[in-house]
Amino acid sequence: MNRSNILWLVIGMLAVTTVLLGYQFYQSQQRQGVEISIGEGGVSIQER
């Protein structure tokens, strides 16, 4: 492997790590509980 390939490998690994950590943070910020919606179809209750 030459130096350029190693650089791209490191950049790729950092990008994947950033995406995974961002997704994990997003999931942890989602509210848990019950969602109640009122629309044309009536009342909808969903557990989150």
PDB file of N, CA and C in Angstrom:
ATOM      1  N   MET A   1       0.845  -1.189   0.000  1.00  0.00           N
ATOM      2  CA  MET A   1       0.000   0.000   0.000  1.00  0.00           C
ATOM      3  C   MET A   1       0.885   1.245   0.000  1.00  0.00           C
ATOM      4  N   ASN A   2       0.511   2.179  -0.803  1.00  0.00           N
ATOM      5  CA  ASN A   2       1.281   3.418  -0.777  1.00  0.00           C
ATOM      6  C   ASN A   2       0.599   4.429   0.149  1.00  0.00           C
ATOM      7  N   ARG A   3       1.241   5.544   0.324  1.00  0.00           N
ATOM      8  CA  ARG A   3       0.786   6.549   1.289  1.00  0.00           C
ATOM      9  C   ARG A   3      -0.605   7.105   0.941  1.00  0.00           C
ATOM     10  N   SER A   4      -0.889   7.261  -0.340  1.00  0.00           N
ATOM     11  CA  SER A   4      -2.186   7.792  -0.765  1.00  0.00           C
ATOM     12  C   SER A   4      -3.316   6.835  -0.398  1.00  0.00           C
ATOM     13  N   ASN A   5      -3.089   5.535  -0.588  1.00  0.00           N
ATOM     14  CA  ASN A   5      -4.133   4.560  -0.245  1.00  0.00           C
ATOM     15  C   ASN A   5      -4.400   4.536   1.248  1.00  0.00           C
ATOM     16  N   ILE A   6      -3.363   4.650   2.051  1.00  0.00           N
ATOM     17  CA  ILE A   6      -3.531   4.661   3.502  1.00  0.00           C
ATOM     18  C   ILE A   6      -4.322   5.897   3.925  1.00  0.00           C
ATOM     19  N   LEU A   7      -4.044   7.038   3.308  1.00  0.00           N
ATOM     20  CA  LEU A   7      -4.771   8.267   3.618  1.00  0.00           C
ATOM     21  C   LEU A   7      -6.257   8.104   3.315  1.00  0.00           C
ATOM     22  N   TRP A   8      -6.607   7.542   2.166  1.00  0.00           N
ATOM     23  CA  TRP A   8      -8.008   7.342   1.813  1.00  0.00           C
ATOM     24  C   TRP A   8      -8.675   6.332   2.751  1.00  0.00           C
ATOM     25  N   LEU A   9      -7.930   5.329   3.176  1.00  0.00           N
ATOM     26  CA  LEU A   9      -8.460   4.354   4.117  1.00  0.00           C
ATOM     27  C   LEU A   9      -8.787   5.018   5.454  1.00  0.00           C
ATOM     28  N   VAL A  10      -7.904   5.857   5.937  1.00  0.00           N
ATOM     29  CA  VAL A  10      -8.135   6.574   7.198  1.00  0.00           C
ATOM     30  C   VAL A  10      -9.321   7.515   7.066  1.00  0.00           C
ATOM     31  N   ILE A  11      -9.417   8.230   5.961  1.00  0.00           N
ATOM     32  CA  ILE A  11     -10.545   9.150   5.742  1.00  0.00           C
ATOM     33  C   ILE A  11     -11.859   8.367   5.699  1.00  0.00           C
ATOM     34  N   GLY A  12     -11.862   7.229   5.039  1.00  0.00           N
ATOM     35  CA  GLY A  12     -13.060   6.395   4.967  1.00  0.00           C
ATOM     36  C   GLY A  12     -13.476   5.885   6.334  1.00  0.00           C
ATOM     37  N   MET A  13     -12.490   5.446   7.120  1.00  0.00           N
ATOM     38  CA  MET A  13     -12.797   4.953   8.460  1.00  0.00           C
ATOM     39  C   MET A  13     -13.359   6.065   9.336  1.00  0.00           C
ATOM     40  N   LEU A  14     -12.807   7.268   9.226  1.00  0.00           N
ATOM     41  CA  LEU A  14     -13.328   8.404   9.995  1.00  0.00           C
ATOM     42  C   LEU A  14     -14.749   8.760   9.573  1.00  0.00           C
ATOM     43  N   ALA A  15     -15.023   8.689   8.277  1.00  0.00           N
ATOM     44  CA  ALA A  15     -16.363   8.999   7.783  1.00  0.00           C
ATOM     45  C   ALA A  15     -17.379   7.987   8.306  1.00  0.00           C
ATOM     46  N   VAL A  16     -17.040   6.706   8.249  1.00  0.00           N
ATOM     47  CA  VAL A  16     -17.948   5.667   8.742  1.00  0.00           C
ATOM     48  C   VAL A  16     -18.176   5.824  10.240  1.00  0.00           C
ATOM     49  N   THR A  17     -17.125   6.093  10.984  1.00  0.00           N
ATOM     50  CA  THR A  17     -17.251   6.282  12.425  1.00  0.00           C
ATOM     51  C   THR A  17     -18.148   7.476  12.744  1.00  0.00           C
ATOM     52  N   THR A  18     -17.990   8.563  12.006  1.00  0.00           N
ATOM     53  CA  THR A  18     -18.812   9.755  12.221  1.00  0.00           C
ATOM     54  C   THR A  18     -20.280   9.469  11.959  1.00  0.00           C
ATOM     55  N   VAL A  19     -20.565   8.754  10.889  1.00  0.00           N
ATOM     56  CA  VAL A  19     -21.957   8.421  10.555  1.00  0.00           C
ATOM     57  C   VAL A  19     -22.559   7.517  11.634  1.00  0.00           C
ATOM     58  N   LEU A  20     -21.818   6.513  12.067  1.00  0.00           N
ATOM     59  CA  LEU A  20     -22.330   5.600  13.087  1.00  0.00           C
ATOM     60  C   LEU A  20     -22.577   6.307  14.415  1.00  0.00           C
ATOM     61  N   LEU A  21     -21.655   7.168  14.818  1.00  0.00           N
ATOM     62  CA  LEU A  21     -21.844   7.905  16.071  1.00  0.00           C
ATOM     63  C   LEU A  21     -23.008   8.890  15.959  1.00  0.00           C
ATOM     64  N   GLY A  22     -23.165   9.516  14.801  1.00  0.00           N
ATOM     65  CA  GLY A  22     -24.292  10.423  14.587  1.00  0.00           C
ATOM     66  C   GLY A  22     -25.620   9.701  14.659  1.00  0.00           C
ATOM     67  N   TYR A  23     -25.683   8.514  14.061  1.00  0.00           N
ATOM     68  CA  TYR A  23     -26.909   7.722  14.101  1.00  0.00           C
ATOM     69  C   TYR A  23     -27.224   7.283  15.531  1.00  0.00           C
ATOM     70  N   GLN A  24     -26.205   6.861  16.251  1.00  0.00           N
ATOM     71  CA  GLN A  24     -26.398   6.439  17.639  1.00  0.00           C
ATOM     72  C   GLN A  24     -26.893   7.608  18.490  1.00  0.00           C
ATOM     73  N   PHE A  25     -26.328   8.789  18.292  1.00  0.00           N
ATOM     74  CA  PHE A  25     -26.769   9.972  19.025  1.00  0.00           C
ATOM     75  C   PHE A  25     -28.211  10.320  18.672  1.00  0.00           C
ATOM     76  N   TYR A  26     -28.555  10.247  17.387  1.00  0.00           N
ATOM     77  CA  TYR A  26     -29.916  10.537  16.935  1.00  0.00           C
ATOM     78  C   TYR A  26     -30.909   9.582  17.598  1.00  0.00           C
ATOM     79  N   GLN A  27     -30.581   8.301  17.639  1.00  0.00           N
ATOM     80  CA  GLN A  27     -31.471   7.318  18.250  1.00  0.00           C
ATOM     81  C   GLN A  27     -31.637   7.578  19.743  1.00  0.00           C
ATOM     82  N   SER A  28     -30.584   7.993  20.408  1.00  0.00           N
ATOM     83  CA  SER A  28     -30.677   8.235  21.844  1.00  0.00           C
ATOM     84  C   SER A  28     -31.500   9.483  22.156  1.00  0.00           C
ATOM     85  N   GLN A  29     -31.643  10.392  21.205  1.00  0.00           N
ATOM     86  CA  GLN A  29     -32.390  11.623  21.424  1.00  0.00           C
ATOM     87  C   GLN A  29     -33.880  11.473  21.131  1.00  0.00           C
ATOM     88  N   GLN A  30     -34.278  10.363  20.516  1.00  0.00           N
ATOM     89  CA  GLN A  30     -35.692  10.157  20.209  1.00  0.00           C
ATOM     90  C   GLN A  30     -36.465   9.963  21.501  1.00  0.00           C
ATOM     91  N   ARG A  31     -37.604  10.580  21.580  1.00  0.00           N
ATOM     92  CA  ARG A  31     -38.437  10.468  22.772  1.00  0.00           C
ATOM     93  C   ARG A  31     -39.071   9.089  22.839  1.00  0.00           C
ATOM     94  N   GLN A  32     -39.186   8.608  24.055  1.00  0.00           N
ATOM     95  CA  GLN A  32     -39.895   7.356  24.306  1.00  0.00           C
ATOM     96  C   GLN A  32     -41.242   7.711  24.911  1.00  0.00           C
ATOM     97  N   GLY A  33     -42.267   6.960  24.569  1.00  0.00           N
ATOM     98  CA  GLY A  33     -43.571   7.199  25.149  1.00  0.00           C
ATOM     99  C   GLY A  33     -44.685   6.926  24.168  1.00  0.00           C
ATOM    100  N   VAL A  34     -45.685   7.776  24.193  1.00  0.00           N
ATOM    101  CA  VAL A  34     -46.880   7.596  23.377  1.00  0.00           C
ATOM    102  C   VAL A  34     -47.057   8.821  22.494  1.00  0.00           C
ATOM    103  N   GLU A  35     -47.419   8.565  21.237  1.00  0.00           N
ATOM    104  CA  GLU A  35     -47.691   9.657  20.299  1.00  0.00           C
ATOM    105  C   GLU A  35     -49.166   9.607  19.935  1.00  0.00           C
ATOM    106  N   ILE A  36     -49.849  10.725  20.105  1.00  0.00           N
ATOM    107  CA  ILE A  36     -51.274  10.802  19.795  1.00  0.00           C
ATOM    108  C   ILE A  36     -51.454  11.784  18.647  1.00  0.00           C
ATOM    109  N   SER A  37     -52.114  11.315  17.575  1.00  0.00           N
ATOM    110  CA  SER A  37     -52.357  12.149  16.404  1.00  0.00           C
ATOM    111  C   SER A  37     -53.847  12.200  16.125  1.00  0.00           C
ATOM    112  N   ILE A  38     -54.322  13.380  15.739  1.00  0.00           N
ATOM    113  CA  ILE A  38     -55.721  13.543  15.357  1.00  0.00           C
ATOM    114  C   ILE A  38     -55.738  14.013  13.916  1.00  0.00           C
ATOM    115  N   GLY A  39     -56.387  13.243  13.052  1.00  0.00           N
ATOM    116  CA  GLY A  39     -56.429  13.583  11.642  1.00  0.00           C
ATOM    117  C   GLY A  39     -57.774  13.245  11.042  1.00  0.00           C
ATOM    118  N   GLU A  40     -57.815  13.228   9.716  1.00  0.00           N
ATOM    119  CA  GLU A  40     -59.057  12.939   9.014  1.00  0.00           C
ATOM    120  C   GLU A  40     -59.551  11.524   9.310  1.00  0.00           C
ATOM    121  N   GLY A  41     -58.639  10.607   9.569  1.00  0.00           N
ATOM    122  CA  GLY A  41     -59.019   9.232   9.845  1.00  0.00           C
ATOM    123  C   GLY A  41     -59.407   8.984  11.293  1.00  0.00           C
ATOM    124  N   GLY A  42     -59.369  10.007  12.109  1.00  0.00           N
ATOM    125  CA  GLY A  42     -59.734   9.852  13.511  1.00  0.00           C
ATOM    126  C   GLY A  42     -58.516  10.023  14.403  1.00  0.00           C
ATOM    127  N   VAL A  43     -58.570   9.400  15.560  1.00  0.00           N
ATOM    128  CA  VAL A  43     -57.508   9.498  16.540  1.00  0.00           C
ATOM    129  C   VAL A  43     -56.579   8.304  16.382  1.00  0.00           C
ATOM    130  N   SER A  44     -55.292   8.555  16.385  1.00  0.00           N
ATOM    131  CA  SER A  44     -54.285   7.502  16.269  1.00  0.00           C
ATOM    132  C   SER A  44     -53.350   7.578  17.460  1.00  0.00           C
ATOM    133  N   ILE A  45     -53.151   6.439  18.117  1.00  0.00           N
ATOM    134  CA  ILE A  45     -52.255   6.371  19.269  1.00  0.00           C
ATOM    135  C   ILE A  45     -51.177   5.347  18.963  1.00  0.00           C
ATOM    136  N   GLN A  46     -49.934   5.774  19.043  1.00  0.00           N
ATOM    137  CA  GLN A  46     -48.800   4.881  18.772  1.00  0.00           C
ATOM    138  C   GLN A  46     -47.819   4.929  19.921  1.00  0.00           C
ATOM    139  N   GLU A  47     -47.334   3.750  20.307  1.00  0.00           N
ATOM    140  CA  GLU A  47     -46.311   3.674  21.346  1.00  0.00           C
ATOM    141  C   GLU A  47     -44.951   3.805  20.697  1.00  0.00           C
ATOM    142  N   ARG A  48     -44.083   4.603  21.283  1.00  0.00           N
ATOM    143  CA  ARG A  48     -42.745   4.814  20.727  1.00  0.00           C
ATOM    144  C   ARG A  48     -41.729   4.131  21.574  1.00  0.00           C
TER     145      ARG A  48
END
